[in-house]
Structures are given as structure tokens and as C-alpha cells.
């Protein structure tokens, strides 16, 4: 039976900023518009965090029963390592999805019914990333899903449940946040190229190969800064996001200098810190 520490490790804490940063950025937009609703922002945070943990456990379960994680480098895999039974990990994933669904149902009840469709799409996307007979995460579509759901949907959705409208700042903020979320996945998949190739998991990193995947990572960590510059024309305080620039340099340097395998594990933490800093500073700038 897995210990509490193993369950926490299995939730992949270094990936969790990808769920909360969009909510922070979206709430910054709402504050700037003069109509933040903090309890709704809190529920949006619960939805995002529960979905992220749920998809991590779901991936652990699905990859584990396929044998994809048998020789994986990186954080603990509960099923692949034998620390937890597959059914227990599946139950944890479904429990997280249930929490997200209940919180989302409350938000839909106080705003609009079509949010239920968005929530259902998010849960379906979370499951079929590595679940089902033809998981799209095995078809090089993981980055697309992350950009859509942890960028566009998460930021714009957070803004909508508070303002019940979507100003242009919501879409503008969603793009760099989505790119930084993609950077996390790109670094993760770059690390796993050898084992994914061997197991037949065709991620975007496997298809592109190491050199082009490294360029993709660098683009994902660099593009948010010129986007902030463009947003600063009507919103000068957004320039605060540029203060996060130094945090983009160490992980990008490691990736571009050819770090492989376990040497890429610190990159995940550094990318997460970059995303938190950029997203928080962007939120402050939008709020001001």
C-alpha cells in the first residue's frame, strides 16, 4: 500500500502550477475590471487543481497498466512502481474528477448552463489523454490539449465566472499562460523520449526529435515576454511580467545545452517557478 508521501509524489506536485496560475491570471483580469468575485475564483481554483491532480493520477493508471511507465525516469509512478494497486489509483483519479465536477456545477448554477459542457469536455480530455483505446497523448496532441485547457479555457473561464463576460485581456493573458503550461509538458516529454519511443508512445517530442523539441521548449518560455510587451501598450502595468525574465534563463539554458534524462528533472521545477512568477506578475499588472 502506498504511503501518503508516495501519493503526494504521484500527484506530481511540480506540475500543479499549471492549474493554479491560469486562475491567478484570470482573477487579475477580473480585479482590473473592477468586479472580482473571490468565492467564484476560489471554486475555479478547486476545479483547476482537482482536474490537474486527476489527470496526473489518470495518466499514472493508464500508462501503468499499459507498461509505459515500467522503466520511466522521473517522479514516482504509483502503478508502474507497484507502490499502489491500479484500482486505487483509478479511484483517486475519479474522485478528483468528481470534486472538479461538483465545484464546476456550482459555478454553472450561478452563471450559465453551457459551462457544464466546458467542464465535461475538460474531464473527457483529462481521461482520454492517456486513457481509452486510442489516447490522444500517444498521438502527439498533448501540447494542443494543454494549451487549450490550461491556457485558453482556464484563464478565460476564470474571467467569465466572475465578470460573466470576456474582455480582450482574458484572451491575451491566456496565450502566454498556455505556452508556459506547454513548456512543462515539452520538458517532461523530452526527458521521456527514449522510453516513450521504446514503448510506442508517439508524443510530439518523439515525432520532432530532440533538437527540434528543444527549440519548441525555448519558444514556449520566450514568447510570453513579447506578448506581455504587446499587451503593455494599453495596459502599462503588464510590464511587471518582464521581471520574470531571469527565471526563464536557467531551464532554457539546460534544455538548449542538451540536458537529457534525469538532468531534465530540475527543469520541471524551474519551469514551474517561471510560470508562477510570470503568471502572478501578469495578474498584478492586469489588476493595476
C-alpha atoms as a PDB file:
ATOM      1  CA  UNK A   1       0.000   0.000   0.000  1.00  0.00           C
ATOM      2  CA  UNK A   2       1.345   3.412  -0.975  1.00  0.00           C
ATOM      3  CA  UNK A   3       2.256   5.855   1.785  1.00  0.00           C
ATOM      4  CA  UNK A   4       0.886   9.396   1.974  1.00  0.00           C
ATOM      5  CA  UNK A   5       4.254  10.691   0.761  1.00  0.00           C
ATOM      6  CA  UNK A   6       4.051   8.391  -2.268  1.00  0.00           C
ATOM      7  CA  UNK A   7       0.515   9.530  -3.064  1.00  0.00           C
ATOM      8  CA  UNK A   8       1.689  13.146  -2.908  1.00  0.00           C
ATOM      9  CA  UNK A   9       4.658  12.347  -5.152  1.00  0.00           C
ATOM     10  CA  UNK A  10       2.311  10.511  -7.516  1.00  0.00           C
ATOM     11  CA  UNK A  11       0.189  13.646  -7.863  1.00  0.00           C
ATOM     12  CA  UNK A  12       3.296  15.253  -9.446  1.00  0.00           C
ATOM     13  CA  UNK A  13       3.414  18.475  -7.424  1.00  0.00           C
ATOM     14  CA  UNK A  14       5.815  20.162  -9.845  1.00  0.00           C
ATOM     15  CA  UNK A  15       3.068  20.200 -12.487  1.00  0.00           C
ATOM     16  CA  UNK A  16       0.434  21.787 -10.229  1.00  0.00           C
ATOM     17  CA  UNK A  17       1.339  25.424 -11.021  1.00  0.00           C
ATOM     18  CA  UNK A  18      -0.104  24.736 -14.478  1.00  0.00           C
ATOM     19  CA  UNK A  19      -3.548  24.526 -12.868  1.00  0.00           C
ATOM     20  CA  UNK A  20      -3.442  27.433 -10.414  1.00  0.00           C
ATOM     21  CA  UNK A  21      -1.558  30.063 -12.437  1.00  0.00           C
ATOM     22  CA  UNK A  22      -4.368  30.425 -15.023  1.00  0.00           C
ATOM     23  CA  UNK A  23      -6.831  31.089 -12.192  1.00  0.00           C
ATOM     24  CA  UNK A  24      -4.484  33.711 -10.726  1.00  0.00           C
ATOM     25  CA  UNK A  25      -4.101  35.400 -14.112  1.00  0.00           C
ATOM     26  CA  UNK A  26      -7.826  35.297 -14.816  1.00  0.00           C
ATOM     27  CA  UNK A  27      -8.597  36.775 -11.417  1.00  0.00           C
ATOM     28  CA  UNK A  28      -6.125  39.572 -12.165  1.00  0.00           C
ATOM     29  CA  UNK A  29      -8.228  40.416 -15.213  1.00  0.00           C
ATOM     30  CA  UNK A  30     -11.383  40.414 -13.083  1.00  0.00           C
ATOM     31  CA  UNK A  31      -9.787  42.688 -10.457  1.00  0.00           C
ATOM     32  CA  UNK A  32      -8.683  45.072 -13.187  1.00  0.00           C
ATOM     33  CA  UNK A  33     -12.240  45.179 -14.499  1.00  0.00           C
ATOM     34  CA  UNK A  34     -13.432  46.086 -11.014  1.00  0.00           C
ATOM     35  CA  UNK A  35     -15.586  43.053 -10.394  1.00  0.00           C
ATOM     36  CA  UNK A  36     -13.629  40.207  -8.805  1.00  0.00           C
ATOM     37  CA  UNK A  37     -15.808  37.618  -7.068  1.00  0.00           C
ATOM     38  CA  UNK A  38     -13.433  35.850  -4.735  1.00  0.00           C
ATOM     39  CA  UNK A  39     -15.528  32.821  -3.836  1.00  0.00           C
ATOM     40  CA  UNK A  40     -16.048  32.113  -7.528  1.00  0.00           C
ATOM     41  CA  UNK A  41     -12.308  32.474  -8.102  1.00  0.00           C
ATOM     42  CA  UNK A  42     -11.761  30.003  -5.261  1.00  0.00           C
ATOM     43  CA  UNK A  43     -14.128  27.484  -6.824  1.00  0.00           C
ATOM     44  CA  UNK A  44     -12.389  27.936 -10.177  1.00  0.00           C
ATOM     45  CA  UNK A  45      -9.131  27.142  -8.395  1.00  0.00           C
ATOM     46  CA  UNK A  46     -10.633  23.969  -6.926  1.00  0.00           C
ATOM     47  CA  UNK A  47     -11.854  22.894 -10.370  1.00  0.00           C
ATOM     48  CA  UNK A  48      -8.451  23.504 -11.939  1.00  0.00           C
ATOM     49  CA  UNK A  49      -6.436  21.843  -9.175  1.00  0.00           C
ATOM     50  CA  UNK A  50      -8.737  18.814  -8.956  1.00  0.00           C
ATOM     51  CA  UNK A  51      -8.564  18.345 -12.726  1.00  0.00           C
ATOM     52  CA  UNK A  52      -4.758  18.583 -12.701  1.00  0.00           C
ATOM     53  CA  UNK A  53      -4.333  16.043  -9.899  1.00  0.00           C
ATOM     54  CA  UNK A  54      -6.996  13.871 -11.504  1.00  0.00           C
ATOM     55  CA  UNK A  55      -5.265  13.839 -14.872  1.00  0.00           C
ATOM     56  CA  UNK A  56      -1.942  13.039 -13.196  1.00  0.00           C
ATOM     57  CA  UNK A  57      -3.438  10.032 -11.405  1.00  0.00           C
ATOM     58  CA  UNK A  58      -5.320   9.061 -14.558  1.00  0.00           C
ATOM     59  CA  UNK A  59      -2.086   9.129 -16.564  1.00  0.00           C
ATOM     60  CA  UNK A  60      -0.372   7.088 -13.851  1.00  0.00           C
ATOM     61  CA  UNK A  61      -3.124   4.477 -14.049  1.00  0.00           C
ATOM     62  CA  UNK A  62      -3.403   4.310 -17.841  1.00  0.00           C
ATOM     63  CA  UNK A  63       0.344   4.349 -18.535  1.00  0.00           C
ATOM     64  CA  UNK A  64       0.914   1.897 -15.697  1.00  0.00           C
ATOM     65  CA  UNK A  65      -1.458  -0.780 -16.940  1.00  0.00           C
ATOM     66  CA  UNK A  66      -0.003  -0.419 -20.457  1.00  0.00           C
ATOM     67  CA  UNK A  67       3.529  -0.876 -19.151  1.00  0.00           C
ATOM     68  CA  UNK A  68       4.627   2.528 -20.460  1.00  0.00           C
ATOM     69  CA  UNK A  69       5.972   3.530 -17.029  1.00  0.00           C
ATOM     70  CA  UNK A  70       7.934   0.354 -16.308  1.00  0.00           C
ATOM     71  CA  UNK A  71      11.319   1.986 -16.992  1.00  0.00           C
ATOM     72  CA  UNK A  72      10.404   5.676 -16.770  1.00  0.00           C
ATOM     73  CA  UNK A  73      12.867   8.270 -15.480  1.00  0.00           C
ATOM     74  CA  UNK A  74      11.427  10.944 -13.244  1.00  0.00           C
ATOM     75  CA  UNK A  75       8.862  11.281 -10.440  1.00  0.00           C
ATOM     76  CA  UNK A  76       7.341   8.217  -8.796  1.00  0.00           C
ATOM     77  CA  UNK A  77       4.694   6.368 -10.782  1.00  0.00           C
ATOM     78  CA  UNK A  78       2.355   4.635  -8.385  1.00  0.00           C
ATOM     79  CA  UNK A  79       1.196   1.855 -10.697  1.00  0.00           C
ATOM     80  CA  UNK A  80       4.415   1.430 -12.675  1.00  0.00           C
ATOM     81  CA  UNK A  81       6.468   1.110  -9.497  1.00  0.00           C
ATOM     82  CA  UNK A  82       3.988  -1.222  -7.832  1.00  0.00           C
ATOM     83  CA  UNK A  83       3.517   1.179  -4.916  1.00  0.00           C
ATOM     84  CA  UNK A  84      -0.267   1.229  -5.369  1.00  0.00           C
ATOM     85  CA  UNK A  85      -2.814  -1.028  -6.991  1.00  0.00           C
ATOM     86  CA  UNK A  86      -4.211   0.165 -10.319  1.00  0.00           C
ATOM     87  CA  UNK A  87      -7.765   0.224  -8.958  1.00  0.00           C
ATOM     88  CA  UNK A  88      -6.719   2.513  -6.100  1.00  0.00           C
ATOM     89  CA  UNK A  89      -5.067   4.969  -8.471  1.00  0.00           C
ATOM     90  CA  UNK A  90      -8.094   4.869 -10.774  1.00  0.00           C
ATOM     91  CA  UNK A  91     -10.368   5.572  -7.795  1.00  0.00           C
ATOM     92  CA  UNK A  92      -8.188   8.543  -6.814  1.00  0.00           C
ATOM     93  CA  UNK A  93      -8.407   9.936 -10.349  1.00  0.00           C
ATOM     94  CA  UNK A  94     -12.192   9.538 -10.489  1.00  0.00           C
ATOM     95  CA  UNK A  95     -12.511  11.106  -7.042  1.00  0.00           C
ATOM     96  CA  UNK A  96     -10.598  14.168  -8.228  1.00  0.00           C
ATOM     97  CA  UNK A  97     -12.783  14.430 -11.326  1.00  0.00           C
ATOM     98  CA  UNK A  98     -15.863  14.244  -9.089  1.00  0.00           C
ATOM     99  CA  UNK A  99     -14.581  17.125  -6.929  1.00  0.00           C
ATOM    100  CA  UNK A 100     -13.953  19.181 -10.067  1.00  0.00           C
ATOM    101  CA  UNK A 101     -17.432  18.346 -11.387  1.00  0.00           C
ATOM    102  CA  UNK A 102     -19.187  19.396  -8.162  1.00  0.00           C
ATOM    103  CA  UNK A 103     -17.306  22.705  -7.952  1.00  0.00           C
ATOM    104  CA  UNK A 104     -17.952  23.315 -11.637  1.00  0.00           C
ATOM    105  CA  UNK A 105     -21.643  22.547 -11.179  1.00  0.00           C
ATOM    106  CA  UNK A 106     -21.902  25.291  -8.568  1.00  0.00           C
ATOM    107  CA  UNK A 107     -20.219  27.774 -10.911  1.00  0.00           C
ATOM    108  CA  UNK A 108     -22.534  26.790 -13.747  1.00  0.00           C
ATOM    109  CA  UNK A 109     -25.573  27.188 -11.482  1.00  0.00           C
ATOM    110  CA  UNK A 110     -24.684  30.811 -10.706  1.00  0.00           C
ATOM    111  CA  UNK A 111     -23.586  31.763 -14.234  1.00  0.00           C
ATOM    112  CA  UNK A 112     -24.726  29.767 -17.260  1.00  0.00           C
ATOM    113  CA  UNK A 113     -25.583  26.170 -18.108  1.00  0.00           C
ATOM    114  CA  UNK A 114     -23.130  25.867 -21.009  1.00  0.00           C
ATOM    115  CA  UNK A 115     -20.274  25.825 -18.520  1.00  0.00           C
ATOM    116  CA  UNK A 116     -21.366  22.245 -17.857  1.00  0.00           C
ATOM    117  CA  UNK A 117     -20.360  21.394 -21.426  1.00  0.00           C
ATOM    118  CA  UNK A 118     -16.959  23.017 -20.943  1.00  0.00           C
ATOM    119  CA  UNK A 119     -16.449  21.108 -17.713  1.00  0.00           C
ATOM    120  CA  UNK A 120     -17.492  17.831 -19.298  1.00  0.00           C
ATOM    121  CA  UNK A 121     -15.077  18.435 -22.186  1.00  0.00           C
ATOM    122  CA  UNK A 122     -12.259  19.090 -19.711  1.00  0.00           C
ATOM    123  CA  UNK A 123     -12.907  15.828 -17.848  1.00  0.00           C
ATOM    124  CA  UNK A 124     -13.161  13.854 -21.088  1.00  0.00           C
ATOM    125  CA  UNK A 125      -9.914  15.409 -22.310  1.00  0.00           C
ATOM    126  CA  UNK A 126      -8.232  14.594 -18.997  1.00  0.00           C
ATOM    127  CA  UNK A 127      -9.232  10.927 -19.181  1.00  0.00           C
ATOM    128  CA  UNK A 128      -8.501  10.283 -22.843  1.00  0.00           C
ATOM    129  CA  UNK A 129      -5.088  11.933 -22.713  1.00  0.00           C
ATOM    130  CA  UNK A 130      -3.667   8.501 -21.899  1.00  0.00           C
ATOM    131  CA  UNK A 131      -6.880   6.537 -21.264  1.00  0.00           C
ATOM    132  CA  UNK A 132      -9.073   4.547 -23.617  1.00  0.00           C
ATOM    133  CA  UNK A 133      -8.091   2.524 -26.654  1.00  0.00           C
ATOM    134  CA  UNK A 134      -6.693   5.445 -28.660  1.00  0.00           C
ATOM    135  CA  UNK A 135      -5.299   8.044 -26.229  1.00  0.00           C
ATOM    136  CA  UNK A 136      -4.530  11.306 -27.972  1.00  0.00           C
ATOM    137  CA  UNK A 137      -1.491  11.836 -25.762  1.00  0.00           C
ATOM    138  CA  UNK A 138       0.039   8.947 -27.726  1.00  0.00           C
ATOM    139  CA  UNK A 139      -0.749  10.797 -30.974  1.00  0.00           C
ATOM    140  CA  UNK A 140       1.300  13.976 -30.412  1.00  0.00           C
ATOM    141  CA  UNK A 141      -1.726  16.048 -29.340  1.00  0.00           C
ATOM    142  CA  UNK A 142      -0.835  16.552 -25.687  1.00  0.00           C
ATOM    143  CA  UNK A 143       0.558  20.049 -26.139  1.00  0.00           C
ATOM    144  CA  UNK A 144      -2.539  21.145 -28.050  1.00  0.00           C
ATOM    145  CA  UNK A 145      -4.772  19.940 -25.216  1.00  0.00           C
ATOM    146  CA  UNK A 146      -2.628  21.616 -22.551  1.00  0.00           C
ATOM    147  CA  UNK A 147      -2.656  24.934 -24.420  1.00  0.00           C
ATOM    148  CA  UNK A 148      -6.426  24.798 -24.841  1.00  0.00           C
ATOM    149  CA  UNK A 149      -7.433  23.638 -21.363  1.00  0.00           C
ATOM    150  CA  UNK A 150      -4.646  25.055 -19.161  1.00  0.00           C
ATOM    151  CA  UNK A 151      -4.399  28.243 -21.177  1.00  0.00           C
ATOM    152  CA  UNK A 152      -7.485  29.362 -23.050  1.00  0.00           C
ATOM    153  CA  UNK A 153     -10.206  27.533 -21.113  1.00  0.00           C
ATOM    154  CA  UNK A 154      -8.722  28.024 -17.643  1.00  0.00           C
ATOM    155  CA  UNK A 155      -7.941  31.728 -17.941  1.00  0.00           C
ATOM    156  CA  UNK A 156     -10.993  32.737 -19.955  1.00  0.00           C
ATOM    157  CA  UNK A 157     -13.240  30.524 -17.830  1.00  0.00           C
ATOM    158  CA  UNK A 158     -11.942  32.100 -14.609  1.00  0.00           C
ATOM    159  CA  UNK A 159     -12.646  35.559 -16.008  1.00  0.00           C
ATOM    160  CA  UNK A 160     -16.110  34.602 -17.224  1.00  0.00           C
ATOM    161  CA  UNK A 161     -17.369  33.121 -13.960  1.00  0.00           C
ATOM    162  CA  UNK A 162     -16.512  36.412 -12.240  1.00  0.00           C
ATOM    163  CA  UNK A 163     -17.400  39.023 -14.863  1.00  0.00           C
ATOM    164  CA  UNK A 164     -19.914  36.982 -16.910  1.00  0.00           C
ATOM    165  CA  UNK A 165     -18.277  38.476 -19.978  1.00  0.00           C
ATOM    166  CA  UNK A 166     -14.881  38.046 -21.642  1.00  0.00           C
ATOM    167  CA  UNK A 167     -12.785  41.181 -22.259  1.00  0.00           C
ATOM    168  CA  UNK A 168      -9.842  41.092 -24.638  1.00  0.00           C
ATOM    169  CA  UNK A 169      -7.383  40.934 -21.742  1.00  0.00           C
ATOM    170  CA  UNK A 170      -8.660  37.449 -20.892  1.00  0.00           C
ATOM    171  CA  UNK A 171      -7.710  36.055 -24.306  1.00  0.00           C
ATOM    172  CA  UNK A 172      -4.421  37.951 -24.363  1.00  0.00           C
ATOM    173  CA  UNK A 173      -3.418  36.618 -20.936  1.00  0.00           C
ATOM    174  CA  UNK A 174      -4.488  33.076 -21.817  1.00  0.00           C
ATOM    175  CA  UNK A 175      -1.925  32.714 -24.621  1.00  0.00           C
ATOM    176  CA  UNK A 176       1.314  33.182 -22.616  1.00  0.00           C
ATOM    177  CA  UNK A 177      -0.099  31.178 -19.700  1.00  0.00           C
ATOM    178  CA  UNK A 178      -0.920  28.350 -22.099  1.00  0.00           C
ATOM    179  CA  UNK A 179       2.561  28.497 -23.626  1.00  0.00           C
ATOM    180  CA  UNK A 180       4.222  28.153 -20.225  1.00  0.00           C
ATOM    181  CA  UNK A 181       1.956  25.211 -19.385  1.00  0.00           C
ATOM    182  CA  UNK A 182       3.055  23.631 -22.669  1.00  0.00           C
ATOM    183  CA  UNK A 183       6.685  24.194 -21.686  1.00  0.00           C
ATOM    184  CA  UNK A 184       6.160  21.913 -18.682  1.00  0.00           C
ATOM    185  CA  UNK A 185       4.816  19.133 -20.886  1.00  0.00           C
ATOM    186  CA  UNK A 186       7.509  19.618 -23.527  1.00  0.00           C
ATOM    187  CA  UNK A 187      10.257  19.296 -20.889  1.00  0.00           C
ATOM    188  CA  UNK A 188       8.572  16.222 -19.441  1.00  0.00           C
ATOM    189  CA  UNK A 189       8.203  14.558 -22.835  1.00  0.00           C
ATOM    190  CA  UNK A 190      11.742  15.499 -23.883  1.00  0.00           C
ATOM    191  CA  UNK A 191      13.027  13.655 -20.817  1.00  0.00           C
ATOM    192  CA  UNK A 192      10.935  10.602 -21.708  1.00  0.00           C
ATOM    193  CA  UNK A 193      11.784  10.370 -25.429  1.00  0.00           C
ATOM    194  CA  UNK A 194      13.884   7.158 -25.090  1.00  0.00           C
ATOM    195  CA  UNK A 195      11.325   5.233 -23.019  1.00  0.00           C
ATOM    196  CA  UNK A 196       8.336   6.600 -24.952  1.00  0.00           C
ATOM    197  CA  UNK A 197       9.961   5.572 -28.248  1.00  0.00           C
ATOM    198  CA  UNK A 198      10.585   2.083 -26.918  1.00  0.00           C
ATOM    199  CA  UNK A 199       7.025   1.697 -25.623  1.00  0.00           C
ATOM    200  CA  UNK A 200       5.408   3.097 -28.779  1.00  0.00           C
ATOM    201  CA  UNK A 201       4.131   6.308 -27.186  1.00  0.00           C
ATOM    202  CA  UNK A 202       4.299   8.843 -30.030  1.00  0.00           C
ATOM    203  CA  UNK A 203       4.419  12.169 -28.218  1.00  0.00           C
ATOM    204  CA  UNK A 204       5.210  15.381 -30.067  1.00  0.00           C
ATOM    205  CA  UNK A 205       8.752  15.166 -28.682  1.00  0.00           C
ATOM    206  CA  UNK A 206       9.158  11.678 -30.171  1.00  0.00           C
ATOM    207  CA  UNK A 207       7.936  12.884 -33.570  1.00  0.00           C
ATOM    208  CA  UNK A 208      10.019  16.069 -33.602  1.00  0.00           C
ATOM    209  CA  UNK A 209      13.170  14.518 -32.196  1.00  0.00           C
ATOM    210  CA  UNK A 210      15.446  16.015 -29.558  1.00  0.00           C
ATOM    211  CA  UNK A 211      16.842  19.109 -31.347  1.00  0.00           C
ATOM    212  CA  UNK A 212      13.505  20.451 -32.574  1.00  0.00           C
ATOM    213  CA  UNK A 213      11.813  19.669 -29.246  1.00  0.00           C
ATOM    214  CA  UNK A 214      14.459  21.764 -27.506  1.00  0.00           C
ATOM    215  CA  UNK A 215      13.695  24.664 -29.850  1.00  0.00           C
ATOM    216  CA  UNK A 216       9.985  24.217 -29.101  1.00  0.00           C
ATOM    217  CA  UNK A 217      10.676  24.420 -25.367  1.00  0.00           C
ATOM    218  CA  UNK A 218      12.733  27.594 -25.825  1.00  0.00           C
ATOM    219  CA  UNK A 219       9.915  29.136 -27.868  1.00  0.00           C
ATOM    220  CA  UNK A 220       7.344  28.308 -25.180  1.00  0.00           C
ATOM    221  CA  UNK A 221       9.429  30.011 -22.486  1.00  0.00           C
ATOM    222  CA  UNK A 222      10.443  33.010 -24.618  1.00  0.00           C
ATOM    223  CA  UNK A 223       7.223  34.039 -26.410  1.00  0.00           C
ATOM    224  CA  UNK A 224       5.294  35.062 -23.260  1.00  0.00           C
ATOM    225  CA  UNK A 225       7.597  38.060 -22.827  1.00  0.00           C
ATOM    226  CA  UNK A 226       6.998  39.768 -26.207  1.00  0.00           C
ATOM    227  CA  UNK A 227       3.297  39.057 -25.686  1.00  0.00           C
ATOM    228  CA  UNK A 228       3.486  40.969 -22.405  1.00  0.00           C
ATOM    229  CA  UNK A 229       5.205  43.828 -24.250  1.00  0.00           C
ATOM    230  CA  UNK A 230       2.364  43.913 -26.780  1.00  0.00           C
ATOM    231  CA  UNK A 231      -0.263  43.906 -24.014  1.00  0.00           C
ATOM    232  CA  UNK A 232       1.517  46.782 -22.284  1.00  0.00           C
ATOM    233  CA  UNK A 233       0.503  49.320 -24.936  1.00  0.00           C
ATOM    234  CA  UNK A 234      -2.965  49.783 -23.396  1.00  0.00           C
ATOM    235  CA  UNK A 235      -2.035  48.237 -20.020  1.00  0.00           C
ATOM    236  CA  UNK A 236       1.443  49.533 -18.981  1.00  0.00           C
ATOM    237  CA  UNK A 237       1.491  47.714 -15.630  1.00  0.00           C
ATOM    238  CA  UNK A 238       1.625  44.411 -17.524  1.00  0.00           C
ATOM    239  CA  UNK A 239       5.340  45.159 -17.974  1.00  0.00           C
ATOM    240  CA  UNK A 240       5.731  43.766 -14.455  1.00  0.00           C
ATOM    241  CA  UNK A 241       5.653  40.312 -16.073  1.00  0.00           C
ATOM    242  CA  UNK A 242       9.063  41.057 -17.614  1.00  0.00           C
ATOM    243  CA  UNK A 243      10.579  40.799 -14.130  1.00  0.00           C
ATOM    244  CA  UNK A 244      10.228  37.033 -14.518  1.00  0.00           C
ATOM    245  CA  UNK A 245      12.671  37.002 -17.438  1.00  0.00           C
ATOM    246  CA  UNK A 246      15.701  35.873 -15.373  1.00  0.00           C
ATOM    247  CA  UNK A 247      13.781  32.765 -14.275  1.00  0.00           C
ATOM    248  CA  UNK A 248      13.424  31.670 -17.904  1.00  0.00           C
ATOM    249  CA  UNK A 249      17.172  31.551 -18.497  1.00  0.00           C
ATOM    250  CA  UNK A 250      18.403  28.597 -16.344  1.00  0.00           C
ATOM    251  CA  UNK A 251      15.901  25.981 -17.578  1.00  0.00           C
ATOM    252  CA  UNK A 252      16.171  27.138 -21.190  1.00  0.00           C
ATOM    253  CA  UNK A 253      19.950  27.015 -20.985  1.00  0.00           C
ATOM    254  CA  UNK A 254      19.856  23.451 -19.619  1.00  0.00           C
ATOM    255  CA  UNK A 255      17.491  22.320 -22.364  1.00  0.00           C
ATOM    256  CA  UNK A 256      19.380  24.019 -25.191  1.00  0.00           C
ATOM    257  CA  UNK A 257      22.731  22.694 -23.953  1.00  0.00           C
ATOM    258  CA  UNK A 258      21.467  19.142 -24.354  1.00  0.00           C
ATOM    259  CA  UNK A 259      20.377  18.001 -20.877  1.00  0.00           C
ATOM    260  CA  UNK A 260      18.890  14.506 -21.008  1.00  0.00           C
ATOM    261  CA  UNK A 261      17.113  12.047 -18.746  1.00  0.00           C
ATOM    262  CA  UNK A 262      17.442  12.770 -15.038  1.00  0.00           C
ATOM    263  CA  UNK A 263      19.252  16.042 -15.814  1.00  0.00           C
ATOM    264  CA  UNK A 264      15.940  17.378 -17.097  1.00  0.00           C
ATOM    265  CA  UNK A 265      14.082  16.739 -13.839  1.00  0.00           C
ATOM    266  CA  UNK A 266      15.184  20.089 -12.287  1.00  0.00           C
ATOM    267  CA  UNK A 267      13.931  21.813 -15.437  1.00  0.00           C
ATOM    268  CA  UNK A 268      10.363  20.911 -14.476  1.00  0.00           C
ATOM    269  CA  UNK A 269      10.684  22.675 -11.140  1.00  0.00           C
ATOM    270  CA  UNK A 270      12.365  25.688 -12.711  1.00  0.00           C
ATOM    271  CA  UNK A 271       9.701  25.898 -15.407  1.00  0.00           C
ATOM    272  CA  UNK A 272       7.006  25.723 -12.742  1.00  0.00           C
ATOM    273  CA  UNK A 273       8.624  28.591 -10.832  1.00  0.00           C
ATOM    274  CA  UNK A 274       8.840  30.606 -14.039  1.00  0.00           C
ATOM    275  CA  UNK A 275       5.158  30.030 -14.705  1.00  0.00           C
ATOM    276  CA  UNK A 276       4.183  31.032 -11.152  1.00  0.00           C
ATOM    277  CA  UNK A 277       6.293  34.196 -11.252  1.00  0.00           C
ATOM    278  CA  UNK A 278       5.177  35.244 -14.731  1.00  0.00           C
ATOM    279  CA  UNK A 279       1.521  34.484 -14.093  1.00  0.00           C
ATOM    280  CA  UNK A 280       1.465  36.259 -10.734  1.00  0.00           C
ATOM    281  CA  UNK A 281       3.250  39.350 -12.048  1.00  0.00           C
ATOM    282  CA  UNK A 282       0.973  39.406 -15.091  1.00  0.00           C
ATOM    283  CA  UNK A 283      -2.053  39.157 -12.794  1.00  0.00           C
ATOM    284  CA  UNK A 284      -0.808  42.055 -10.670  1.00  0.00           C
ATOM    285  CA  UNK A 285      -0.188  44.132 -13.784  1.00  0.00           C
ATOM    286  CA  UNK A 286      -3.663  43.406 -15.130  1.00  0.00           C
ATOM    287  CA  UNK A 287      -5.220  44.164 -11.754  1.00  0.00           C
ATOM    288  CA  UNK A 288      -3.473  47.532 -11.534  1.00  0.00           C
END
